[in-house]
Amino acid sequence: MIGLLDYGGRDREDGGFGAIVLLHGLMGRGRTWRRQIPWLRRYGRVFTFDAAYHQGAFDHGIVPAAEEIATERFVADVGELITWIDRGPAVLVGHSMGGLHAWCTAAQFPELVSALVVEDMAPDFRGRTTGDWTPWFASWPDRFDGLDEAVAMFGEVAGRYFYEAFDDGRLHGSIPVWGAIAEEWGTRDFWAQWDSVRVPSLLVEAEFTVTPPGQMAAMAARGGQARHPQSAYLKVPGAGHLVHDDRPEVYRGAVEAFLSGLAR
């Protein structure tokens, strides 16, 4: 699996959860989780990987078929990864696109998932398009000369995130492909997949969320508590979309409390 990294940590025989798989967001990369990996290793063996079309310069120029960028394709990749790791059901920790893939994997392959952490992602973006992104993307340079240039364009939190995902300042994928991945979310909803989830889930929403208002709270209320009473919802004041980097102490506290509760 391209971009797969095993950071070690506690296995099940050591009292951990086995595998904890971190799923990045759109235009992200596995290595953008580096600040969360050290403390997560206390709870399980931590793995990251780069989703398809987020794997480096060789992704440029690719024009994939629609089925190759459908959510089901990414979910199949996650299921294959968990099976390959072979450490029992995994805890999936997903940000944005990764959160969607996490709960869809739990719905499609319930035997492979033991718990979910979903960060700032909702099931229904129908009617929204990526058209507003085009001028923003057009303003990006071919290569960012350094972290300072990325921070100047995106802000401190997002600038650091993007620069860590880039390859020496260059994009690690194709903007049109990334846009097409997001366009799918504007044509369908994923409520049925969420309603199929039967594992404990922590839902973390940013105050300045990019998700449609109220949907993450509705996810928690939509029968979820009855199906798995260990689930929880948290809206983080002052946080932007990258909650885990924008309000790291709050994010860590919520995730550690959630995982500790499962262990008990």
Foldseek 3Di string as FASTA:
>chain_A
DAAKDWPAADAVVNLAPEEEEEAEAQLFFQCLCVVVPVVCSPHYTYMYGGFPQLRADVQPPDDDDLVCLELVNRLVVVVVVLVVSPRWAYEYEYAASSLVSVLLNCLVPVRRHAEYEYAQYFFAQAPDACVVCVVVVVPDDQFDQDLVSLCVSPNDQVSVRNVSSHDNRHRGGDPVSSRSSVRVRRHDGCVVSLVSHQHAYEYEYEPQGPYDPPRSVCSCVVCVCVRPVLHYYYYDPPDYSPCCRRVVVVVVVVVVVSSVVVSD
